[in-house]
Amino acid sequence: MINPLTLYSVFFLFALVLNLLHWSIYFPSISGKLLFFLLSTIFVALFIGFLQKEKIKMLTKGKINISIKIIKYCLVFVFFVTIIDGIYSGGFPLLGQVDYSTYGMPILHPFLILFSESLFILTFNTYLVDERAETLFLAILFLFLQLLPCLEERF
């Protein structure tokens, strides 16, 4: 199993290097304080990951006993709460009806994002165990419902 702290470090370092190349006008410049923070968290994660490598090797992929029926009910719940979030906000950023900075209910939207992310991880882990196409499809739907409100119209 790959150490998650090492993955965190590698991906953030990769994103940081890409940002510092200034290939896009859409990414703002990184301040010195933010650069220090990111580099320090990367090195701390690498250090802790090195110290914990033996314990992390003991982790294995286990069977999760969750039925597809429960996952489907959760997916319907996330869909309806996303609709309620859009109604409260007066539209969706993807449709150009509202800006993402004003989108979502103050308490409900963060809960919805965290709940949806957790269910995506749980469903994808279930797919890794049972390798059924239906489970992978449900995981992709959770990911889609999580990302849909974040997209903005750029036309």
Protein backbone atom coordinates (compact mmCIF):
# COMPACT_ATOMS: atom_id res chain seq x y z
CA MET A 1 0.00 0.00 0.00
CA ILE A 2 1.27 3.44 -0.87
CA ASN A 3 1.71 5.74 2.08
CA PRO A 4 -1.01 8.45 1.94
CA LEU A 5 1.34 11.00 3.47
CA THR A 6 3.82 10.37 0.66
CA LEU A 7 1.02 10.75 -1.89
CA TYR A 8 0.01 14.05 -0.29
CA SER A 9 3.58 15.28 -0.48
CA VAL A 10 4.17 14.17 -4.07
CA PHE A 11 0.92 15.63 -5.44
CA PHE A 12 1.22 18.94 -3.60
CA LEU A 13 4.84 19.26 -4.65
CA PHE A 14 3.84 18.52 -8.26
CA ALA A 15 1.02 21.10 -8.13
CA LEU A 16 3.36 23.60 -6.53
CA VAL A 17 6.00 23.15 -9.24
CA LEU A 18 3.37 23.52 -11.96
CA ASN A 19 2.05 26.68 -10.34
CA LEU A 20 5.53 28.17 -10.05
CA LEU A 21 6.08 27.66 -13.80
CA HIS A 22 3.34 30.28 -14.47
CA TRP A 23 1.89 28.37 -17.40
CA SER A 24 -1.60 29.71 -16.79
CA ILE A 25 -2.99 33.15 -16.12
CA TYR A 26 -5.80 31.62 -14.05
CA PHE A 27 -3.56 30.59 -11.16
CA PRO A 28 -2.50 33.47 -8.92
CA SER A 29 1.06 33.89 -7.75
CA ILE A 30 1.95 32.14 -4.51
CA SER A 31 3.04 34.43 -1.68
CA GLY A 32 6.11 33.69 0.38
CA LYS A 33 4.03 32.78 3.45
CA LEU A 34 1.90 30.32 1.48
CA LEU A 35 4.98 28.80 -0.14
CA PHE A 36 6.56 28.35 3.29
CA PHE A 37 3.36 26.77 4.64
CA LEU A 38 3.04 24.34 1.72
CA LEU A 39 6.69 23.32 1.80
CA SER A 40 6.63 22.85 5.56
CA THR A 41 3.49 20.66 5.43
CA ILE A 42 5.03 18.64 2.60
CA PHE A 43 8.22 18.00 4.57
CA VAL A 44 6.34 17.27 7.81
CA ALA A 45 4.11 14.79 5.95
CA LEU A 46 7.17 13.11 4.42
CA PHE A 47 8.86 12.91 7.83
CA ILE A 48 5.79 11.46 9.58
CA GLY A 49 5.24 9.09 6.67
CA PHE A 50 8.83 7.87 6.98
CA LEU A 51 8.38 7.31 10.72
CA GLN A 52 5.07 5.49 10.23
CA LYS A 53 5.98 3.40 7.18
CA GLU A 54 5.94 0.10 9.05
CA LYS A 55 2.53 0.76 10.59
CA ILE A 56 1.09 1.83 7.23
CA LYS A 57 2.36 -1.37 5.60
CA MET A 58 0.18 -3.34 8.01
CA LEU A 59 -2.98 -1.74 6.63
CA THR A 60 -4.75 -3.91 4.12
CA LYS A 61 -7.77 -3.61 1.94
CA GLY A 62 -10.68 -4.98 3.95
CA LYS A 63 -14.19 -5.95 3.04
CA ILE A 64 -16.73 -3.27 3.77
CA ASN A 65 -20.19 -4.60 4.45
CA ILE A 66 -22.36 -1.90 2.93
CA SER A 67 -25.14 -2.72 0.55
CA ILE A 68 -25.62 -1.10 -2.83
CA LYS A 69 -29.16 -0.25 -1.74
CA ILE A 70 -27.89 2.00 1.07
CA ILE A 71 -25.43 3.66 -1.32
CA LYS A 72 -28.29 4.35 -3.75
CA TYR A 73 -30.42 5.90 -0.99
CA CYS A 74 -27.50 8.13 -0.03
CA LEU A 75 -27.03 9.12 -3.68
CA VAL A 76 -30.70 10.16 -3.93
CA PHE A 77 -30.32 12.12 -0.68
CA VAL A 78 -27.23 13.94 -1.99
CA PHE A 79 -29.06 14.72 -5.26
CA PHE A 80 -32.08 16.24 -3.49
CA VAL A 81 -29.97 18.23 -1.05
CA THR A 82 -27.97 19.58 -4.01
CA ILE A 83 -31.26 20.69 -5.61
CA ILE A 84 -32.31 22.35 -2.34
CA ASP A 85 -28.92 24.07 -2.18
CA GLY A 86 -29.45 25.38 -5.74
CA ILE A 87 -32.97 26.59 -4.98
CA TYR A 88 -31.74 28.45 -1.90
CA SER A 89 -28.95 30.08 -3.91
CA GLY A 90 -31.19 31.02 -6.82
CA GLY A 91 -29.50 28.74 -9.33
CA PHE A 92 -26.31 26.89 -10.12
CA PRO A 93 -22.93 28.34 -11.08
CA LEU A 94 -22.67 25.99 -14.09
CA LEU A 95 -25.83 27.49 -15.57
CA GLY A 96 -24.50 31.02 -15.04
CA GLN A 97 -27.34 31.87 -12.67
CA VAL A 98 -25.19 32.57 -9.62
CA ASP A 99 -21.51 33.06 -8.76
CA TYR A 100 -19.89 30.20 -6.85
CA SER A 101 -18.83 32.57 -4.06
CA THR A 102 -22.52 33.13 -3.22
CA TYR A 103 -23.66 29.56 -3.88
CA GLY A 104 -25.02 27.26 -1.16
CA MET A 105 -26.61 27.40 2.25
CA PRO A 106 -24.13 28.43 4.94
CA ILE A 107 -24.44 25.22 7.03
CA LEU A 108 -25.90 22.78 4.52
CA HIS A 109 -23.38 23.20 1.69
CA PRO A 110 -20.22 22.30 3.66
CA PHE A 111 -22.06 19.32 5.18
CA LEU A 112 -23.17 18.23 1.71
CA ILE A 113 -19.64 18.43 0.29
CA LEU A 114 -18.12 16.48 3.19
CA PHE A 115 -20.91 13.87 3.13
CA SER A 116 -20.60 13.46 -0.63
CA GLU A 117 -16.80 13.17 -0.47
CA SER A 118 -17.02 10.55 2.26
CA LEU A 119 -19.59 8.56 0.31
CA PHE A 120 -17.45 8.75 -2.82
CA ILE A 121 -14.47 7.33 -0.93
CA LEU A 122 -16.62 4.63 0.70
CA THR A 123 -18.24 3.67 -2.59
CA PHE A 124 -14.95 3.60 -4.48
CA ASN A 125 -13.40 1.46 -1.74
CA THR A 126 -16.40 -0.87 -2.06
CA TYR A 127 -15.73 -1.03 -5.80
CA LEU A 128 -12.09 -1.95 -5.15
CA VAL A 129 -13.31 -4.87 -3.02
CA ASP A 130 -16.21 -6.19 -5.12
CA GLU A 131 -15.11 -4.90 -8.58
CA ARG A 132 -18.69 -4.51 -9.81
CA ALA A 133 -19.38 -1.98 -12.57
CA GLU A 134 -22.51 -0.78 -10.76
CA THR A 135 -20.46 0.25 -7.73
CA LEU A 136 -17.98 2.12 -9.91
CA PHE A 137 -20.86 3.91 -11.65
CA LEU A 138 -22.29 4.98 -8.27
CA ALA A 139 -18.87 6.25 -7.18
CA ILE A 140 -18.60 8.32 -10.37
CA LEU A 141 -22.08 9.73 -9.75
CA PHE A 142 -21.05 10.82 -6.24
CA LEU A 143 -17.99 12.50 -7.70
CA PHE A 144 -20.09 14.19 -10.39
CA LEU A 145 -22.64 15.47 -7.85
CA GLN A 146 -19.81 16.79 -5.73
CA LEU A 147 -18.13 18.65 -8.59
CA LEU A 148 -21.23 19.86 -10.44
CA PRO A 149 -22.00 22.85 -8.18
CA CYS A 150 -18.35 23.93 -8.26
CA LEU A 151 -18.20 24.35 -12.03
CA GLU A 152 -18.84 27.80 -13.37
CA GLU A 153 -19.91 28.87 -16.82
CA ARG A 154 -16.89 30.37 -18.63
CA PHE A 155 -18.48 31.32 -21.95
